[in-house]
Amino acid sequence: MEEQKRRKIGILGGTFNPIHFGHLMLAQQALETLALDQVLFMPSGNSYMKQGRDIASKEHRAKMIELAIEGQEEFGLSDMELMRTGPTYTCDTVMELKIQYPNDEFYFIMGADSLLMLESWKNPEILLENCVVAAAVRGTGTEERLQKIISHLIYEYHADIRILPARFVDLSSSEIRERIYYGRSVRYMLPDAVLSYIEEQNLYHRKDRS
């Protein structure tokens, strides 16, 4: 029997409220820099980190991702966290991935801010001991602190941490939502198909909008 090829799968998690070009550019950079076979966009369900925020429904967020990555074979959508009931923890996601895809290697893609806070997550050792962590870093004045954290995580957990020099545009979903709310243009910030969907579904607009 032919041995199954060990795939290298990138996991890009987030609220994606909405997905924008910054997310897509980060995924593309990770795909190329780390020689990944695929990057899965994994929108969070009921994240304990972001409870209480004005977040579009899981159906809307998943649909916007589908529209954004349509035609890109190397990108995919995972609804693993969306389908989970209760708070979403990365450690649970890692364990589920390892059970479902025991032959694959997983790369969790995150920003430097998440890496700095990673030890405060629930059971961070499950992520650090089972997956490669790929951190997107830009020159923000935290390089020295970041290097100390990386050295600590490598020593404490034997973590495999890769650095992705940030070449993507400085965008945030919160800025996009705010601009939409106040009727400002968000062209060139997210794919046209996503923008059209937001308009059709009246997402992020003022409630008194006619």
N, C-alpha and C. Protein backbone atom coordinates (compact mmCIF):
# COMPACT_ATOMS: atom_id res chain seq x y z
N MET A 1 0.85 -1.20 0.00
CA MET A 1 0.00 0.00 0.00
C MET A 1 0.89 1.25 0.00
N GLU A 2 0.55 2.18 -0.84
CA GLU A 2 1.33 3.41 -0.94
C GLU A 2 1.15 4.25 0.31
N GLU A 3 2.27 4.70 0.87
CA GLU A 3 2.23 5.51 2.09
C GLU A 3 1.64 6.88 1.78
N GLN A 4 0.73 7.32 2.65
CA GLN A 4 0.07 8.61 2.44
C GLN A 4 1.05 9.75 2.65
N LYS A 5 1.04 10.70 1.76
CA LYS A 5 1.93 11.86 1.85
C LYS A 5 1.58 12.69 3.07
N ARG A 6 2.60 13.09 3.81
CA ARG A 6 2.42 13.94 4.97
C ARG A 6 2.26 15.38 4.50
N ARG A 7 1.07 15.92 4.67
CA ARG A 7 0.80 17.28 4.20
C ARG A 7 1.18 18.32 5.25
N LYS A 8 1.56 19.47 4.77
CA LYS A 8 1.85 20.61 5.65
C LYS A 8 0.68 21.59 5.52
N ILE A 9 -0.09 21.70 6.59
CA ILE A 9 -1.32 22.48 6.56
C ILE A 9 -1.20 23.70 7.48
N GLY A 10 -1.40 24.87 6.92
CA GLY A 10 -1.44 26.08 7.72
C GLY A 10 -2.84 26.32 8.25
N ILE A 11 -2.93 26.75 9.50
CA ILE A 11 -4.21 27.09 10.12
C ILE A 11 -4.20 28.57 10.46
N LEU A 12 -5.08 29.32 9.82
CA LEU A 12 -5.19 30.75 10.10
C LEU A 12 -6.53 30.99 10.78
N GLY A 13 -6.49 31.14 12.08
CA GLY A 13 -7.71 31.34 12.85
C GLY A 13 -8.00 32.82 13.04
N GLY A 14 -9.22 33.10 13.44
CA GLY A 14 -9.61 34.48 13.69
C GLY A 14 -11.11 34.63 13.63
N THR A 15 -11.57 35.80 13.97
CA THR A 15 -13.00 36.05 13.90
C THR A 15 -13.44 36.27 12.46
N PHE A 16 -12.57 36.90 11.66
CA PHE A 16 -12.87 37.20 10.25
C PHE A 16 -14.21 37.95 10.16
N ASN A 17 -14.22 39.10 10.81
CA ASN A 17 -15.46 39.86 10.98
C ASN A 17 -15.34 41.29 10.45
N PRO A 18 -15.09 41.46 9.12
CA PRO A 18 -15.05 40.46 8.05
C PRO A 18 -13.61 40.11 7.66
N ILE A 19 -13.47 39.10 6.79
CA ILE A 19 -12.18 38.79 6.19
C ILE A 19 -11.78 39.94 5.27
N HIS A 20 -10.46 40.23 5.20
CA HIS A 20 -9.99 41.33 4.35
C HIS A 20 -8.66 40.94 3.70
N PHE A 21 -8.12 41.87 2.90
CA PHE A 21 -6.90 41.57 2.15
C PHE A 21 -5.70 41.29 3.05
N GLY A 22 -5.68 41.86 4.25
CA GLY A 22 -4.59 41.57 5.18
C GLY A 22 -4.53 40.09 5.53
N HIS A 23 -5.71 39.49 5.79
CA HIS A 23 -5.77 38.06 6.07
C HIS A 23 -5.28 37.24 4.87
N LEU A 24 -5.73 37.62 3.69
CA LEU A 24 -5.40 36.87 2.49
C LEU A 24 -3.92 36.97 2.15
N MET A 25 -3.34 38.15 2.34
CA MET A 25 -1.92 38.33 2.05
C MET A 25 -1.06 37.56 3.05
N LEU A 26 -1.49 37.52 4.32
CA LEU A 26 -0.76 36.74 5.32
C LEU A 26 -0.81 35.26 4.97
N ALA A 27 -1.98 34.77 4.57
CA ALA A 27 -2.12 33.36 4.19
C ALA A 27 -1.22 33.02 3.01
N GLN A 28 -1.17 33.91 2.02
CA GLN A 28 -0.34 33.67 0.84
C GLN A 28 1.14 33.68 1.21
N GLN A 29 1.54 34.59 2.08
CA GLN A 29 2.94 34.64 2.49
C GLN A 29 3.32 33.37 3.25
N ALA A 30 2.45 32.91 4.13
CA ALA A 30 2.72 31.68 4.87
C ALA A 30 2.81 30.49 3.93
N LEU A 31 1.92 30.44 2.96
CA LEU A 31 1.90 29.35 1.98
C LEU A 31 3.24 29.25 1.26
N GLU A 32 3.76 30.40 0.84
CA GLU A 32 5.00 30.42 0.06
C GLU A 32 6.24 30.27 0.95
N THR A 33 6.29 31.00 2.05
CA THR A 33 7.48 31.00 2.91
C THR A 33 7.70 29.65 3.58
N LEU A 34 6.62 29.01 4.01
CA LEU A 34 6.71 27.75 4.74
C LEU A 34 6.51 26.53 3.84
N ALA A 35 6.33 26.76 2.54
CA ALA A 35 6.11 25.67 1.57
C ALA A 35 4.96 24.78 2.01
N LEU A 36 3.83 25.41 2.34
CA LEU A 36 2.66 24.66 2.80
C LEU A 36 1.90 24.08 1.62
N ASP A 37 1.19 23.00 1.88
CA ASP A 37 0.32 22.43 0.85
C ASP A 37 -1.01 23.15 0.79
N GLN A 38 -1.45 23.67 1.92
CA GLN A 38 -2.75 24.35 1.98
C GLN A 38 -2.80 25.23 3.23
N VAL A 39 -3.58 26.29 3.14
CA VAL A 39 -3.90 27.11 4.31
C VAL A 39 -5.41 27.04 4.53
N LEU A 40 -5.80 26.66 5.74
CA LEU A 40 -7.21 26.61 6.10
C LEU A 40 -7.58 27.83 6.92
N PHE A 41 -8.58 28.56 6.48
CA PHE A 41 -9.13 29.66 7.26
C PHE A 41 -10.12 29.05 8.25
N MET A 42 -9.91 29.32 9.54
CA MET A 42 -10.73 28.70 10.57
C MET A 42 -11.38 29.78 11.43
N PRO A 43 -12.58 30.23 11.04
CA PRO A 43 -13.27 31.26 11.84
C PRO A 43 -13.66 30.72 13.20
N SER A 44 -13.51 31.57 14.21
CA SER A 44 -13.82 31.15 15.58
C SER A 44 -15.31 31.13 15.80
N GLY A 45 -15.72 30.28 16.71
CA GLY A 45 -17.11 30.22 17.11
C GLY A 45 -17.33 31.19 18.25
N ASN A 46 -17.62 30.67 19.42
CA ASN A 46 -17.84 31.49 20.61
C ASN A 46 -16.52 31.63 21.34
N SER A 47 -15.65 32.48 20.84
CA SER A 47 -14.33 32.63 21.43
C SER A 47 -14.41 33.28 22.80
N TYR A 48 -13.76 32.65 23.79
CA TYR A 48 -13.76 33.23 25.13
C TYR A 48 -13.02 34.55 25.16
N MET A 49 -12.15 34.80 24.16
CA MET A 49 -11.38 36.03 24.12
C MET A 49 -12.20 37.22 23.64
N LYS A 50 -13.31 36.96 22.91
CA LYS A 50 -14.02 38.05 22.25
C LYS A 50 -15.51 38.03 22.52
N GLN A 51 -15.91 37.48 23.64
CA GLN A 51 -17.32 37.45 23.97
C GLN A 51 -17.83 38.87 24.21
N GLY A 52 -19.06 39.11 23.81
CA GLY A 52 -19.68 40.41 24.05
C GLY A 52 -19.50 41.40 22.92
N ARG A 53 -18.67 41.05 21.92
CA ARG A 53 -18.45 41.97 20.80
C ARG A 53 -19.56 41.79 19.77
N ASP A 54 -19.73 42.85 18.97
CA ASP A 54 -20.71 42.81 17.89
C ASP A 54 -20.12 42.01 16.73
N ILE A 55 -20.46 40.74 16.66
CA ILE A 55 -19.87 39.85 15.67
C ILE A 55 -20.97 39.33 14.75
N ALA A 56 -20.71 39.37 13.45
CA ALA A 56 -21.66 38.82 12.48
C ALA A 56 -21.84 37.33 12.74
N SER A 57 -22.96 36.79 12.33
CA SER A 57 -23.26 35.38 12.58
C SER A 57 -22.21 34.48 11.94
N LYS A 58 -22.10 33.27 12.45
CA LYS A 58 -21.12 32.33 11.90
C LYS A 58 -21.41 32.02 10.44
N GLU A 59 -22.69 32.01 10.08
CA GLU A 59 -23.04 31.75 8.68
C GLU A 59 -22.54 32.85 7.77
N HIS A 60 -22.71 34.11 8.20
CA HIS A 60 -22.23 35.24 7.39
C HIS A 60 -20.71 35.23 7.28
N ARG A 61 -20.02 34.99 8.38
CA ARG A 61 -18.56 35.02 8.35
C ARG A 61 -17.99 33.89 7.50
N ALA A 62 -18.61 32.72 7.59
CA ALA A 62 -18.16 31.59 6.76
C ALA A 62 -18.40 31.88 5.28
N LYS A 63 -19.54 32.46 4.96
CA LYS A 63 -19.85 32.77 3.57
C LYS A 63 -18.89 33.80 3.00
N MET A 64 -18.53 34.80 3.80
CA MET A 64 -17.59 35.81 3.32
C MET A 64 -16.22 35.20 3.04
N ILE A 65 -15.80 34.24 3.86
CA ILE A 65 -14.53 33.55 3.60
C ILE A 65 -14.62 32.76 2.31
N GLU A 66 -15.72 32.04 2.13
CA GLU A 66 -15.91 31.27 0.89
C GLU A 66 -15.80 32.17 -0.33
N LEU A 67 -16.41 33.33 -0.27
CA LEU A 67 -16.36 34.27 -1.39
C LEU A 67 -14.95 34.80 -1.61
N ALA A 68 -14.23 35.05 -0.52
CA ALA A 68 -12.90 35.63 -0.62
C ALA A 68 -11.89 34.66 -1.22
N ILE A 69 -12.05 33.36 -0.97
CA ILE A 69 -11.05 32.38 -1.41
C ILE A 69 -11.51 31.56 -2.62
N GLU A 70 -12.66 31.92 -3.17
CA GLU A 70 -13.20 31.17 -4.31
C GLU A 70 -12.18 31.11 -5.45
N GLY A 71 -11.95 29.91 -5.95
CA GLY A 71 -11.02 29.73 -7.06
C GLY A 71 -9.57 29.55 -6.64
N GLN A 72 -9.27 29.66 -5.34
CA GLN A 72 -7.91 29.49 -4.83
C GLN A 72 -7.78 28.09 -4.24
N GLU A 73 -7.22 27.17 -5.00
CA GLU A 73 -7.15 25.77 -4.57
C GLU A 73 -6.33 25.58 -3.30
N GLU A 74 -5.34 26.44 -3.08
CA GLU A 74 -4.48 26.27 -1.91
C GLU A 74 -5.13 26.78 -0.63
N PHE A 75 -6.25 27.47 -0.74
CA PHE A 75 -6.96 27.98 0.43
C PHE A 75 -8.23 27.18 0.65
N GLY A 76 -8.57 26.97 1.91
CA GLY A 76 -9.79 26.26 2.23
C GLY A 76 -10.44 26.85 3.47
N LEU A 77 -11.66 26.44 3.74
CA LEU A 77 -12.43 26.89 4.90
C LEU A 77 -12.68 25.70 5.81
N SER A 78 -12.38 25.85 7.09
CA SER A 78 -12.71 24.84 8.08
C SER A 78 -13.74 25.41 9.05
N ASP A 79 -14.84 24.67 9.24
CA ASP A 79 -15.87 25.12 10.16
C ASP A 79 -15.77 24.41 11.51
N MET A 80 -14.61 23.85 11.80
CA MET A 80 -14.42 23.07 13.02
C MET A 80 -14.79 23.86 14.27
N GLU A 81 -14.30 25.09 14.39
CA GLU A 81 -14.59 25.88 15.58
C GLU A 81 -15.99 26.48 15.53
N LEU A 82 -16.49 26.75 14.35
CA LEU A 82 -17.84 27.29 14.22
C LEU A 82 -18.88 26.29 14.72
N MET A 83 -18.63 25.02 14.50
CA MET A 83 -19.60 23.99 14.85
C MET A 83 -19.52 23.57 16.31
N ARG A 84 -18.50 24.03 17.00
CA ARG A 84 -18.32 23.64 18.40
C ARG A 84 -19.23 24.47 19.30
N THR A 85 -19.86 23.83 20.26
CA THR A 85 -20.70 24.55 21.22
C THR A 85 -19.85 24.98 22.41
N GLY A 86 -20.21 26.12 23.01
CA GLY A 86 -19.45 26.63 24.14
C GLY A 86 -18.23 27.40 23.69
N PRO A 87 -17.40 27.82 24.64
CA PRO A 87 -16.20 28.61 24.32
C PRO A 87 -15.25 27.85 23.41
N THR A 88 -14.52 28.59 22.58
CA THR A 88 -13.57 28.00 21.65
C THR A 88 -12.15 28.16 22.20
N TYR A 89 -11.45 27.04 22.34
CA TYR A 89 -10.06 27.06 22.81
C TYR A 89 -9.18 26.39 21.76
N THR A 90 -8.03 27.01 21.51
CA THR A 90 -7.12 26.47 20.50
C THR A 90 -6.65 25.07 20.85
N CYS A 91 -6.45 24.80 22.14
CA CYS A 91 -5.98 23.47 22.53
C CYS A 91 -6.95 22.38 22.10
N ASP A 92 -8.26 22.67 22.18
CA ASP A 92 -9.26 21.69 21.74
C ASP A 92 -9.18 21.48 20.22
N THR A 93 -8.95 22.58 19.51
CA THR A 93 -8.83 22.50 18.05
C THR A 93 -7.64 21.65 17.64
N VAL A 94 -6.51 21.84 18.33
CA VAL A 94 -5.31 21.06 18.02
C VAL A 94 -5.57 19.57 18.21
N MET A 95 -6.19 19.21 19.32
CA MET A 95 -6.46 17.80 19.59
C MET A 95 -7.40 17.20 18.55
N GLU A 96 -8.40 17.98 18.14
CA GLU A 96 -9.35 17.49 17.14
C GLU A 96 -8.66 17.30 15.79
N LEU A 97 -7.79 18.25 15.43
CA LEU A 97 -7.06 18.14 14.17
C LEU A 97 -6.15 16.91 14.16
N LYS A 98 -5.47 16.67 15.27
CA LYS A 98 -4.55 15.54 15.35
C LYS A 98 -5.28 14.21 15.24
N ILE A 99 -6.51 14.17 15.76
CA ILE A 99 -7.31 12.94 15.67
C ILE A 99 -7.82 12.73 14.24
N GLN A 100 -8.31 13.81 13.63
CA GLN A 100 -8.88 13.70 12.29
C GLN A 100 -7.82 13.50 11.21
N TYR A 101 -6.66 14.14 11.40
CA TYR A 101 -5.61 14.10 10.37
C TYR A 101 -4.27 13.72 11.01
N PRO A 102 -4.14 12.47 11.46
CA PRO A 102 -2.95 12.07 12.22
C PRO A 102 -1.66 12.10 11.40
N ASN A 103 -1.76 12.08 10.09
CA ASN A 103 -0.56 12.04 9.26
C ASN A 103 -0.07 13.41 8.80
N ASP A 104 -0.82 14.45 9.13
CA ASP A 104 -0.48 15.78 8.64
C ASP A 104 0.26 16.60 9.69
N GLU A 105 1.00 17.59 9.21
CA GLU A 105 1.75 18.51 10.06
C GLU A 105 1.05 19.87 10.01
N PHE A 106 0.82 20.46 11.19
CA PHE A 106 0.04 21.69 11.25
C PHE A 106 0.89 22.88 11.67
N TYR A 107 0.64 23.99 10.98
CA TYR A 107 1.33 25.26 11.23
C TYR A 107 0.27 26.28 11.63
N PHE A 108 0.32 26.72 12.89
CA PHE A 108 -0.64 27.72 13.35
C PHE A 108 -0.07 29.11 13.08
N ILE A 109 -0.78 29.86 12.25
CA ILE A 109 -0.34 31.18 11.83
C ILE A 109 -0.98 32.22 12.74
N MET A 110 -0.17 33.10 13.30
CA MET A 110 -0.71 34.11 14.22
C MET A 110 0.13 35.38 14.15
N GLY A 111 -0.40 36.45 14.70
CA GLY A 111 0.33 37.70 14.79
C GLY A 111 1.26 37.70 15.99
N ALA A 112 2.20 38.63 15.98
CA ALA A 112 3.15 38.71 17.09
C ALA A 112 2.45 39.00 18.41
N ASP A 113 1.34 39.76 18.37
CA ASP A 113 0.62 40.06 19.60
C ASP A 113 0.06 38.79 20.23
N SER A 114 -0.41 37.86 19.41
CA SER A 114 -0.91 36.59 19.93
C SER A 114 0.22 35.75 20.51
N LEU A 115 1.37 35.77 19.84
CA LEU A 115 2.51 35.00 20.33
C LEU A 115 2.96 35.51 21.70
N LEU A 116 2.93 36.82 21.89
CA LEU A 116 3.33 37.40 23.17
C LEU A 116 2.41 36.95 24.30
N MET A 117 1.15 36.67 23.98
CA MET A 117 0.16 36.29 25.00
C MET A 117 -0.09 34.79 25.04
N LEU A 118 0.65 34.02 24.27
CA LEU A 118 0.30 32.62 24.06
C LEU A 118 0.30 31.81 25.35
N GLU A 119 1.21 32.11 26.25
CA GLU A 119 1.27 31.33 27.49
C GLU A 119 0.07 31.55 28.40
N SER A 120 -0.71 32.60 28.13
CA SER A 120 -1.92 32.83 28.93
C SER A 120 -3.11 32.04 28.38
N TRP A 121 -2.95 31.41 27.22
CA TRP A 121 -4.03 30.61 26.65
C TRP A 121 -4.22 29.34 27.47
N LYS A 122 -5.37 28.71 27.32
CA LYS A 122 -5.64 27.45 28.00
C LYS A 122 -4.74 26.35 27.43
N ASN A 123 -4.01 25.68 28.32
CA ASN A 123 -3.13 24.56 27.94
C ASN A 123 -2.27 24.87 26.71
N PRO A 124 -1.44 25.91 26.78
CA PRO A 124 -0.63 26.28 25.60
C PRO A 124 0.33 25.19 25.17
N GLU A 125 0.69 24.30 26.10
CA GLU A 125 1.63 23.24 25.76
C GLU A 125 1.09 22.30 24.68
N ILE A 126 -0.23 22.17 24.61
CA ILE A 126 -0.81 21.29 23.59
C ILE A 126 -0.52 21.83 22.19
N LEU A 127 -0.65 23.14 22.03
CA LEU A 127 -0.31 23.76 20.74
C LEU A 127 1.18 23.71 20.49
N LEU A 128 1.97 24.12 21.47
CA LEU A 128 3.41 24.28 21.27
C LEU A 128 4.13 22.95 21.08
N GLU A 129 3.61 21.88 21.65
CA GLU A 129 4.29 20.59 21.55
C GLU A 129 3.81 19.76 20.36
N ASN A 130 2.72 20.18 19.72
CA ASN A 130 2.15 19.38 18.63
C ASN A 130 2.14 20.08 17.28
N CYS A 131 2.40 21.39 17.26
CA CYS A 131 2.29 22.15 16.01
C CYS A 131 3.46 23.12 15.88
N VAL A 132 3.71 23.51 14.66
CA VAL A 132 4.64 24.60 14.40
C VAL A 132 3.87 25.91 14.55
N VAL A 133 4.47 26.89 15.19
CA VAL A 133 3.85 28.21 15.32
C VAL A 133 4.55 29.15 14.35
N ALA A 134 3.78 29.77 13.47
CA ALA A 134 4.31 30.74 12.51
C ALA A 134 3.81 32.12 12.89
N ALA A 135 4.71 32.98 13.31
CA ALA A 135 4.32 34.31 13.81
C ALA A 135 4.70 35.39 12.81
N ALA A 136 3.71 36.20 12.44
CA ALA A 136 3.93 37.33 11.54
C ALA A 136 4.42 38.52 12.36
N VAL A 137 5.59 39.00 12.03
CA VAL A 137 6.23 40.05 12.83
C VAL A 137 6.49 41.27 11.97
N ARG A 138 6.15 42.41 12.51
CA ARG A 138 6.47 43.67 11.85
C ARG A 138 7.23 44.54 12.85
N GLY A 139 7.95 45.53 12.35
CA GLY A 139 8.72 46.39 13.23
C GLY A 139 7.83 47.32 14.05
N THR A 140 7.52 46.90 15.27
CA THR A 140 6.63 47.70 16.12
C THR A 140 7.29 48.10 17.43
N GLY A 141 8.59 47.82 17.55
CA GLY A 141 9.27 48.16 18.78
C GLY A 141 9.20 47.08 19.84
N THR A 142 8.62 45.92 19.51
CA THR A 142 8.50 44.83 20.49
C THR A 142 9.46 43.69 20.17
N GLU A 143 10.41 43.93 19.26
CA GLU A 143 11.28 42.85 18.80
C GLU A 143 12.07 42.21 19.94
N GLU A 144 12.61 43.03 20.85
CA GLU A 144 13.41 42.48 21.95
C GLU A 144 12.55 41.62 22.87
N ARG A 145 11.37 42.12 23.21
CA ARG A 145 10.45 41.36 24.06
C ARG A 145 10.02 40.07 23.37
N LEU A 146 9.77 40.18 22.07
CA LEU A 146 9.32 39.02 21.30
C LEU A 146 10.40 37.95 21.27
N GLN A 147 11.65 38.36 21.09
CA GLN A 147 12.74 37.39 21.04
C GLN A 147 12.90 36.68 22.38
N LYS A 148 12.68 37.40 23.47
CA LYS A 148 12.75 36.77 24.80
C LYS A 148 11.64 35.73 24.97
N ILE A 149 10.45 36.08 24.51
CA ILE A 149 9.32 35.15 24.60
C ILE A 149 9.60 33.90 23.76
N ILE A 150 10.10 34.10 22.55
CA ILE A 150 10.40 32.97 21.67
C ILE A 150 11.44 32.06 22.31
N SER A 151 12.50 32.64 22.85
CA SER A 151 13.54 31.85 23.50
C SER A 151 12.98 31.06 24.68
N HIS A 152 12.10 31.71 25.44
CA HIS A 152 11.47 31.04 26.59
C HIS A 152 10.60 29.87 26.14
N LEU A 153 9.79 30.07 25.09
CA LEU A 153 8.90 29.02 24.62
C LEU A 153 9.68 27.84 24.05
N ILE A 154 10.78 28.13 23.38
CA ILE A 154 11.62 27.06 22.84
C ILE A 154 12.24 26.25 23.98
N TYR A 155 12.73 26.96 24.99
CA TYR A 155 13.37 26.28 26.13
C TYR A 155 12.35 25.49 26.95
N GLU A 156 11.21 26.11 27.23
CA GLU A 156 10.22 25.52 28.14
C GLU A 156 9.42 24.39 27.49
N TYR A 157 9.07 24.57 26.20
CA TYR A 157 8.17 23.62 25.54
C TYR A 157 8.81 22.92 24.33
N HIS A 158 10.07 23.21 24.05
CA HIS A 158 10.73 22.69 22.84
C HIS A 158 9.91 23.06 21.60
N ALA A 159 9.39 24.28 21.62
CA ALA A 159 8.51 24.75 20.55
C ALA A 159 9.28 24.98 19.25
N ASP A 160 8.59 24.77 18.16
CA ASP A 160 9.11 25.07 16.82
C ASP A 160 8.41 26.34 16.35
N ILE A 161 9.13 27.45 16.38
CA ILE A 161 8.53 28.75 16.05
C ILE A 161 9.23 29.32 14.83
N ARG A 162 8.44 29.66 13.82
CA ARG A 162 8.96 30.26 12.59
C ARG A 162 8.48 31.71 12.51
N ILE A 163 9.33 32.57 12.00
CA ILE A 163 8.99 33.99 11.88
C ILE A 163 8.64 34.31 10.43
N LEU A 164 7.51 34.98 10.26
CA LEU A 164 7.09 35.48 8.95
C LEU A 164 7.26 37.00 8.96
N PRO A 165 8.28 37.54 8.30
CA PRO A 165 8.41 39.00 8.23
C PRO A 165 7.16 39.58 7.59
N ALA A 166 6.51 40.48 8.29
CA ALA A 166 5.21 40.99 7.83
C ALA A 166 5.38 41.89 6.62
N ARG A 167 4.81 41.46 5.50
CA ARG A 167 4.82 42.27 4.28
C ARG A 167 3.41 42.63 3.86
N PHE A 168 2.44 42.31 4.72
CA PHE A 168 1.05 42.54 4.35
C PHE A 168 0.61 43.94 4.77
N VAL A 169 -0.51 44.38 4.22
CA VAL A 169 -1.00 45.71 4.49
C VAL A 169 -1.57 45.81 5.90
N ASP A 170 -1.51 47.01 6.45
CA ASP A 170 -1.98 47.25 7.81
C ASP A 170 -3.48 47.51 7.79
N LEU A 171 -4.25 46.44 7.92
CA LEU A 171 -5.70 46.53 7.92
C LEU A 171 -6.25 45.86 9.17
N SER A 172 -7.42 46.28 9.59
CA SER A 172 -8.09 45.60 10.70
C SER A 172 -9.57 45.50 10.40
N SER A 173 -10.17 44.41 10.84
CA SER A 173 -11.61 44.22 10.64
C SER A 173 -12.41 45.28 11.37
N SER A 174 -11.93 45.70 12.54
CA SER A 174 -12.66 46.72 13.30
C SER A 174 -12.69 48.05 12.56
N GLU A 175 -11.58 48.39 11.89
CA GLU A 175 -11.55 49.62 11.09
C GLU A 175 -12.54 49.53 9.93
N ILE A 176 -12.59 48.37 9.29
CA ILE A 176 -13.52 48.18 8.18
C ILE A 176 -14.96 48.29 8.66
N ARG A 177 -15.27 47.65 9.78
CA ARG A 177 -16.64 47.73 10.32
C ARG A 177 -17.01 49.17 10.64
N GLU A 178 -16.07 49.91 11.21
CA GLU A 178 -16.34 51.31 11.57
C GLU A 178 -16.58 52.16 10.32
N ARG A 179 -15.78 51.94 9.29
CA ARG A 179 -15.95 52.71 8.07
C ARG A 179 -17.30 52.40 7.43
N ILE A 180 -17.69 51.14 7.43
CA ILE A 180 -19.00 50.77 6.87
C ILE A 180 -20.11 51.41 7.68
N TYR A 181 -19.98 51.38 8.98
CA TYR A 181 -21.01 51.93 9.87
C TYR A 181 -21.25 53.41 9.58
N TYR A 182 -20.16 54.14 9.32
CA TYR A 182 -20.29 55.58 9.08
C TYR A 182 -20.39 55.92 7.60
N GLY A 183 -20.59 54.92 6.75
CA GLY A 183 -20.83 55.18 5.34
C GLY A 183 -19.60 55.54 4.54
N ARG A 184 -18.41 55.17 5.01
CA ARG A 184 -17.18 55.48 4.29
C ARG A 184 -16.78 54.31 3.39
N SER A 185 -15.98 54.60 2.40
CA SER A 185 -15.58 53.58 1.44
C SER A 185 -14.61 52.57 2.05
N VAL A 186 -14.79 51.30 1.70
CA VAL A 186 -13.85 50.26 2.08
C VAL A 186 -13.31 49.54 0.84
N ARG A 187 -13.44 50.18 -0.31
CA ARG A 187 -12.86 49.62 -1.53
C ARG A 187 -11.36 49.45 -1.35
N TYR A 188 -10.81 48.42 -1.95
CA TYR A 188 -9.40 48.08 -1.89
C TYR A 188 -8.96 47.58 -0.51
N MET A 189 -9.91 47.37 0.39
CA MET A 189 -9.59 46.82 1.71
C MET A 189 -10.01 45.36 1.83
N LEU A 190 -10.95 44.94 0.99
CA LEU A 190 -11.43 43.56 1.00
C LEU A 190 -11.94 43.21 -0.39
N PRO A 191 -12.04 41.92 -0.71
CA PRO A 191 -12.46 41.52 -2.06
C PRO A 191 -13.83 42.07 -2.43
N ASP A 192 -14.01 42.36 -3.71
CA ASP A 192 -15.28 42.91 -4.18
C ASP A 192 -16.46 42.00 -3.85
N ALA A 193 -16.25 40.68 -3.95
CA ALA A 193 -17.33 39.74 -3.67
C ALA A 193 -17.77 39.83 -2.21
N VAL A 194 -16.82 40.05 -1.32
CA VAL A 194 -17.14 40.19 0.10
C VAL A 194 -17.88 41.50 0.35
N LEU A 195 -17.41 42.57 -0.29
CA LEU A 195 -18.08 43.86 -0.14
C LEU A 195 -19.51 43.80 -0.65
N SER A 196 -19.71 43.15 -1.78
CA SER A 196 -21.06 43.01 -2.33
C SER A 196 -21.96 42.24 -1.37
N TYR A 197 -21.41 41.20 -0.76
CA TYR A 197 -22.20 40.41 0.19
C TYR A 197 -22.58 41.24 1.41
N ILE A 198 -21.63 42.03 1.90
CA ILE A 198 -21.91 42.90 3.05
C ILE A 198 -23.04 43.87 2.73
N GLU A 199 -23.01 44.42 1.53
CA GLU A 199 -24.06 45.35 1.12
C GLU A 199 -25.40 44.63 0.99
N GLU A 200 -25.38 43.46 0.37
CA GLU A 200 -26.63 42.71 0.16
C GLU A 200 -27.28 42.31 1.49
N GLN A 201 -26.44 41.94 2.45
CA GLN A 201 -26.95 41.45 3.73
C GLN A 201 -27.07 42.56 4.78
N ASN A 202 -26.69 43.78 4.39
CA ASN A 202 -26.77 44.94 5.28
C ASN A 202 -25.98 44.71 6.58
N LEU A 203 -24.78 44.14 6.44
CA LEU A 203 -23.94 43.86 7.59
C LEU A 203 -23.15 45.10 8.00
N TYR A 204 -23.00 45.29 9.29
CA TYR A 204 -22.17 46.34 9.88
C TYR A 204 -22.69 47.75 9.66
N HIS A 205 -23.84 47.91 9.04
CA HIS A 205 -24.38 49.24 8.80
C HIS A 205 -25.14 49.74 10.03
N ARG A 206 -25.40 51.02 10.04
CA ARG A 206 -26.23 51.60 11.10
C ARG A 206 -27.62 50.98 11.02
N LYS A 207 -28.21 50.74 12.18
CA LYS A 207 -29.52 50.08 12.21
C LYS A 207 -30.63 50.95 11.63
N ASP A 208 -30.41 52.27 11.62
CA ASP A 208 -31.44 53.17 11.08
C ASP A 208 -31.25 53.44 9.60
N ARG A 209 -30.30 52.65 8.98
CA ARG A 209 -30.03 52.86 7.55
C ARG A 209 -31.23 52.41 6.73
N SER A 210 -31.66 53.25 5.82
CA SER A 210 -32.84 52.92 5.00
C SER A 210 -32.44 52.04 3.83
